[in-house]
Amino acid sequence: MRNEDKRIKIIQFCVIAGFLFFPVFCRAADLESLKADFLQGNYRRVIFEGEAARPDIRASDELNYILGLSYLKENNLTRAREEFNRILKNPSSKFKAQAAMSLADTYLISGEYREAEDIYNKLINEEPNTSLKAALLYRLSQAALKKGDHRLANDHLLKLKRDFPLSPELKSTRGFPHIEAPRKDSGVYSVQVGFFANTANADNLRDKLCVLGFSAYVEEAQGGYRVRVGRFKALGEALDMESELSKKGFPTKVCP
């Protein structure tokens, strides 16, 4: 009987231990499955299952962050802000910086550019070497451009190009209207609209621009031919022309 009692106690212990540890494994699996769904673009599923699992998942900040991003992807900015603010209330959260940047993203999307800029700049000022800096500079350039401040947008893009030349954020700026750093000895600006290895292609674009009423011309350069519009003494005039050409769908860059 003693051996039988021992067996019963062992079985009881195993059953109890199973109930104690099983939820832990379930919670981990639930969180990992939510991450997988998010990466696959199943944002509504993440929201539905994440909200239902909230009481059972201890890694609440990570869950809140995934939910916030999912609401953001679904363009539910109000709920996204709620989730990011939940994280920001925890000063020791390891997701605090990401949550702050994502919160600023909701303001950028909604057209509240000043609010977005304030948060982006605060993150850079508080931690100049943050791993998010490339993403922050890119977002600041977008906010400035949305406000029509091309000079400020250019400043952020130049910093991005200088400090993070291999970043995916810099690659995403291709076709993004921006200006180069002006030379100190330069007093004339023009808007470059294209660069070609073939002179015939450059001439075709020049003729197209002239038909539209722009004072376009072709300049020979090292490795090809560049098509430019105007010769402006004031940078502001060049920026105005850049904006006009950009609105018509031309890739543009203001150059000294």
Protein backbone atom coordinates (compact mmCIF):
# COMPACT_ATOMS: atom_id res chain seq x y z
CA MET A 1 0.00 0.00 0.00
CA ARG A 2 2.85 2.33 0.74
CA ASN A 3 4.23 1.95 -2.78
CA GLU A 4 0.75 2.48 -4.17
CA ASP A 5 0.38 5.63 -2.07
CA LYS A 6 3.68 6.91 -3.42
CA ARG A 7 2.56 6.28 -6.97
CA ILE A 8 -0.68 8.16 -6.37
CA LYS A 9 1.19 11.10 -4.86
CA ILE A 10 3.60 11.18 -7.79
CA ILE A 11 0.71 11.15 -10.24
CA GLN A 12 -1.05 13.91 -8.30
CA PHE A 13 2.12 15.98 -8.27
CA CYS A 14 2.58 15.56 -12.02
CA VAL A 15 -1.03 16.57 -12.68
CA ILE A 16 -0.73 19.66 -10.48
CA ALA A 17 2.62 20.59 -12.01
CA GLY A 18 1.12 20.20 -15.44
CA PHE A 19 -1.65 22.63 -14.64
CA LEU A 20 0.85 25.06 -13.17
CA PHE A 21 3.29 25.09 -16.08
CA PHE A 22 0.96 24.48 -19.00
CA PRO A 23 -0.42 28.07 -19.04
CA VAL A 24 3.13 29.41 -19.18
CA PHE A 25 3.82 27.48 -22.36
CA CYS A 26 0.44 28.50 -23.75
CA ARG A 27 1.13 32.17 -23.07
CA ALA A 28 4.49 31.97 -24.84
CA ALA A 29 2.93 30.16 -27.79
CA ASP A 30 0.09 32.68 -27.97
CA LEU A 31 2.49 35.61 -28.07
CA GLU A 32 4.68 33.98 -30.72
CA SER A 33 1.64 33.16 -32.84
CA LEU A 34 0.53 36.79 -32.61
CA LYS A 35 3.96 37.89 -33.82
CA ALA A 36 3.76 35.45 -36.71
CA ASP A 37 0.31 36.68 -37.68
CA PHE A 38 1.49 40.28 -37.55
CA LEU A 39 4.46 39.56 -39.84
CA GLN A 40 2.08 37.86 -42.25
CA GLY A 41 -0.19 40.91 -42.28
CA ASN A 42 -3.06 39.32 -40.37
CA TYR A 43 -3.66 42.45 -38.32
CA ARG A 44 -7.34 41.87 -37.59
CA ARG A 45 -6.60 38.40 -36.30
CA VAL A 46 -3.87 39.82 -34.06
CA ILE A 47 -6.32 42.35 -32.67
CA PHE A 48 -9.09 39.81 -32.09
CA GLU A 49 -6.88 37.15 -30.51
CA GLY A 50 -4.60 39.61 -28.72
CA GLU A 51 -7.49 41.38 -26.99
CA ALA A 52 -8.93 38.02 -25.93
CA ALA A 53 -5.57 36.80 -24.61
CA ARG A 54 -4.66 40.01 -22.79
CA PRO A 55 -5.52 38.66 -19.28
CA ASP A 56 -3.41 35.54 -19.85
CA ILE A 57 -0.25 37.00 -21.40
CA ARG A 58 2.14 38.35 -18.81
CA ALA A 59 4.39 40.14 -21.32
CA SER A 60 1.81 42.92 -21.42
CA ASP A 61 4.05 45.64 -22.88
CA GLU A 62 5.06 43.42 -25.78
CA LEU A 63 1.43 42.50 -26.36
CA ASN A 64 0.40 46.16 -26.15
CA TYR A 65 3.05 47.05 -28.69
CA ILE A 66 1.94 44.36 -31.15
CA LEU A 67 -1.67 45.42 -30.71
CA GLY A 68 -0.76 49.09 -31.16
CA LEU A 69 1.06 48.36 -34.41
CA SER A 70 -1.86 46.25 -35.62
CA TYR A 71 -4.35 49.03 -34.87
CA LEU A 72 -2.01 51.44 -36.66
CA LYS A 73 -1.91 49.17 -39.72
CA GLU A 74 -5.70 49.08 -39.65
CA ASN A 75 -5.71 52.91 -39.46
CA ASN A 76 -7.49 52.87 -36.10
CA LEU A 77 -5.38 55.70 -34.71
CA THR A 78 -7.39 56.17 -31.52
CA ARG A 79 -6.91 52.57 -30.37
CA ALA A 80 -3.28 52.58 -31.53
CA ARG A 81 -2.58 55.61 -29.33
CA GLU A 82 -4.24 53.92 -26.38
CA GLU A 83 -1.94 50.92 -26.68
CA PHE A 84 1.23 52.99 -27.09
CA ASN A 85 0.28 55.19 -24.16
CA ARG A 86 -0.20 52.09 -22.00
CA ILE A 87 3.46 51.30 -22.59
CA LEU A 88 4.65 54.87 -22.00
CA LYS A 89 3.05 54.82 -18.55
CA ASN A 90 5.66 52.22 -17.61
CA PRO A 91 8.97 54.17 -17.38
CA SER A 92 11.03 50.97 -17.23
CA SER A 93 9.44 49.33 -20.28
CA LYS A 94 11.92 48.05 -22.87
CA PHE A 95 9.40 49.07 -25.55
CA LYS A 96 9.21 52.69 -24.42
CA ALA A 97 11.24 54.23 -27.28
CA GLN A 98 9.50 52.16 -29.96
CA ALA A 99 6.12 53.01 -28.48
CA ALA A 100 6.95 56.73 -28.46
CA MET A 101 8.04 56.66 -32.11
CA SER A 102 4.93 54.72 -33.09
CA LEU A 103 2.77 57.17 -31.15
CA ALA A 104 4.37 59.99 -33.14
CA ASP A 105 3.60 58.02 -36.31
CA THR A 106 -0.10 58.26 -35.51
CA TYR A 107 0.22 62.05 -35.42
CA LEU A 108 2.18 62.06 -38.69
CA ILE A 109 -0.53 60.02 -40.39
CA SER A 110 -3.31 62.24 -39.03
CA GLY A 111 -1.59 65.43 -40.25
CA GLU A 112 -0.56 66.65 -36.81
CA TYR A 113 3.00 67.27 -37.94
CA ARG A 114 4.13 69.51 -35.10
CA GLU A 115 3.12 66.93 -32.49
CA ALA A 116 4.91 64.20 -34.44
CA GLU A 117 8.08 66.31 -34.80
CA ASP A 118 8.14 67.10 -31.09
CA ILE A 119 8.21 63.41 -30.17
CA TYR A 120 10.75 62.44 -32.85
CA ASN A 121 13.10 65.26 -31.80
CA LYS A 122 12.69 64.45 -28.13
CA LEU A 123 13.75 60.85 -28.74
CA ILE A 124 16.89 61.99 -30.58
CA ASN A 125 17.74 64.65 -27.99
CA GLU A 126 17.32 62.27 -25.07
CA GLU A 127 19.38 59.51 -26.69
CA PRO A 128 21.53 60.83 -29.60
CA ASN A 129 22.90 57.37 -30.37
CA THR A 130 19.58 55.56 -30.34
CA SER A 131 19.25 52.62 -32.70
CA LEU A 132 16.08 54.28 -34.00
CA LYS A 133 17.88 57.39 -35.25
CA ALA A 134 17.78 56.51 -38.96
CA ALA A 135 14.04 55.88 -38.75
CA LEU A 136 13.55 59.09 -36.78
CA LEU A 137 15.49 61.22 -39.30
CA TYR A 138 13.47 59.75 -42.14
CA ARG A 139 10.20 60.49 -40.36
CA LEU A 140 11.33 64.03 -39.55
CA SER A 141 12.08 64.61 -43.23
CA GLN A 142 8.61 63.39 -44.12
CA ALA A 143 6.96 65.67 -41.56
CA ALA A 144 8.94 68.68 -42.80
CA LEU A 145 8.06 67.92 -46.40
CA LYS A 146 4.38 67.57 -45.54
CA LYS A 147 4.55 71.03 -43.97
CA GLY A 148 6.17 72.39 -47.11
CA ASP A 149 9.49 73.09 -45.38
CA HIS A 150 11.83 71.72 -48.05
CA ARG A 151 14.96 73.14 -46.44
CA LEU A 152 14.32 71.35 -43.15
CA ALA A 153 13.40 68.16 -45.00
CA ASN A 154 16.70 68.42 -46.83
CA ASP A 155 18.64 68.91 -43.59
CA HIS A 156 17.22 65.68 -42.16
CA LEU A 157 17.89 63.77 -45.37
CA LEU A 158 21.49 64.98 -45.50
CA LYS A 159 22.02 63.76 -41.92
CA LEU A 160 20.46 60.43 -42.87
CA LYS A 161 22.74 60.15 -45.91
CA ARG A 162 25.83 61.14 -43.90
CA ASP A 163 25.28 58.99 -40.81
CA PHE A 164 23.38 56.00 -42.24
CA PRO A 165 24.43 55.55 -45.88
CA LEU A 166 23.40 51.86 -45.91
CA SER A 167 20.12 52.20 -44.03
CA PRO A 168 16.87 50.93 -45.60
CA GLU A 169 15.36 54.32 -44.75
CA LEU A 170 17.84 56.05 -47.09
CA LYS A 171 17.04 53.58 -49.87
CA SER A 172 13.35 54.41 -49.51
CA THR A 173 14.10 58.08 -50.28
CA ARG A 174 14.80 57.29 -53.93
CA GLY A 175 12.45 59.44 -55.97
CA PHE A 176 11.83 61.51 -52.84
CA PRO A 177 12.23 65.24 -53.71
CA HIS A 178 15.27 66.63 -51.92
CA ILE A 179 18.15 69.05 -52.45
CA GLU A 180 21.87 68.70 -52.18
CA ALA A 181 24.04 70.71 -49.83
CA PRO A 182 24.81 73.99 -51.66
CA ARG A 183 28.42 74.93 -52.23
CA LYS A 184 29.57 78.10 -50.50
CA ASP A 185 30.84 79.58 -53.76
CA SER A 186 27.56 78.93 -55.56
CA GLY A 187 25.08 81.70 -56.26
CA VAL A 188 22.97 79.92 -58.89
CA TYR A 189 20.51 77.05 -58.39
CA SER A 190 18.71 74.81 -60.85
CA VAL A 191 16.30 71.91 -60.65
CA GLN A 192 17.60 68.63 -62.02
CA VAL A 193 14.86 66.48 -63.52
CA GLY A 194 16.83 63.63 -65.04
CA PHE A 195 20.23 62.11 -65.74
CA PHE A 196 20.89 59.93 -68.79
CA ALA A 197 23.80 58.07 -70.30
CA ASN A 198 22.22 58.62 -73.72
CA THR A 199 22.03 62.15 -75.13
CA ALA A 200 18.92 61.33 -77.15
CA ASN A 201 16.96 60.46 -74.00
CA ALA A 202 18.11 63.67 -72.35
CA ASP A 203 17.05 65.69 -75.39
CA ASN A 204 13.63 64.02 -75.40
CA LEU A 205 13.00 64.96 -71.77
CA ARG A 206 14.23 68.51 -72.38
CA ASP A 207 11.84 68.89 -75.33
CA LYS A 208 8.95 67.51 -73.26
CA LEU A 209 9.63 70.03 -70.51
CA CYS A 210 9.92 72.90 -72.98
CA VAL A 211 6.52 71.99 -74.46
CA LEU A 212 5.09 72.24 -70.94
CA GLY A 213 6.54 75.73 -70.62
CA PHE A 214 9.65 75.02 -68.54
CA SER A 215 13.03 76.52 -69.44
CA ALA A 216 14.80 73.15 -69.68
CA TYR A 217 18.27 72.47 -70.99
CA VAL A 218 20.82 69.66 -71.18
CA GLU A 219 24.24 69.76 -69.54
CA GLU A 220 27.01 67.30 -70.24
CA ALA A 221 28.39 65.76 -67.06
CA GLN A 222 30.80 63.00 -66.13
CA GLY A 223 29.20 59.74 -67.18
CA GLY A 224 26.20 61.21 -68.97
CA TYR A 225 23.83 64.09 -69.53
CA ARG A 226 21.68 65.87 -66.97
CA VAL A 227 18.44 67.67 -67.70
CA ARG A 228 17.87 70.81 -65.66
CA VAL A 229 15.35 73.59 -65.42
CA GLY A 230 16.11 77.25 -64.71
CA ARG A 231 19.02 79.22 -63.30
CA PHE A 232 17.90 80.86 -60.08
CA LYS A 233 19.88 83.28 -57.91
CA ALA A 234 17.65 82.62 -54.90
CA LEU A 235 17.26 79.17 -53.36
CA GLY A 236 13.61 79.91 -52.62
CA GLU A 237 12.88 80.35 -56.33
CA ALA A 238 14.50 77.01 -57.10
CA LEU A 239 12.45 75.35 -54.37
CA ASP A 240 9.25 76.79 -55.81
CA MET A 241 10.15 75.41 -59.24
CA GLU A 242 11.07 72.06 -57.69
CA SER A 243 7.66 71.90 -56.04
CA GLU A 244 5.88 72.72 -59.31
CA LEU A 245 7.79 70.06 -61.25
CA SER A 246 7.30 67.49 -58.50
CA LYS A 247 3.53 68.03 -58.57
CA LYS A 248 3.59 67.16 -62.27
CA GLY A 249 5.23 63.84 -61.48
CA PHE A 250 8.85 64.56 -62.34
CA PRO A 251 11.65 63.29 -60.08
CA THR A 252 13.37 66.44 -58.84
CA LYS A 253 16.47 67.64 -57.03
CA VAL A 254 17.59 71.22 -56.42
CA CYS A 255 21.30 71.62 -57.18
CA PRO A 256 23.78 74.50 -56.91
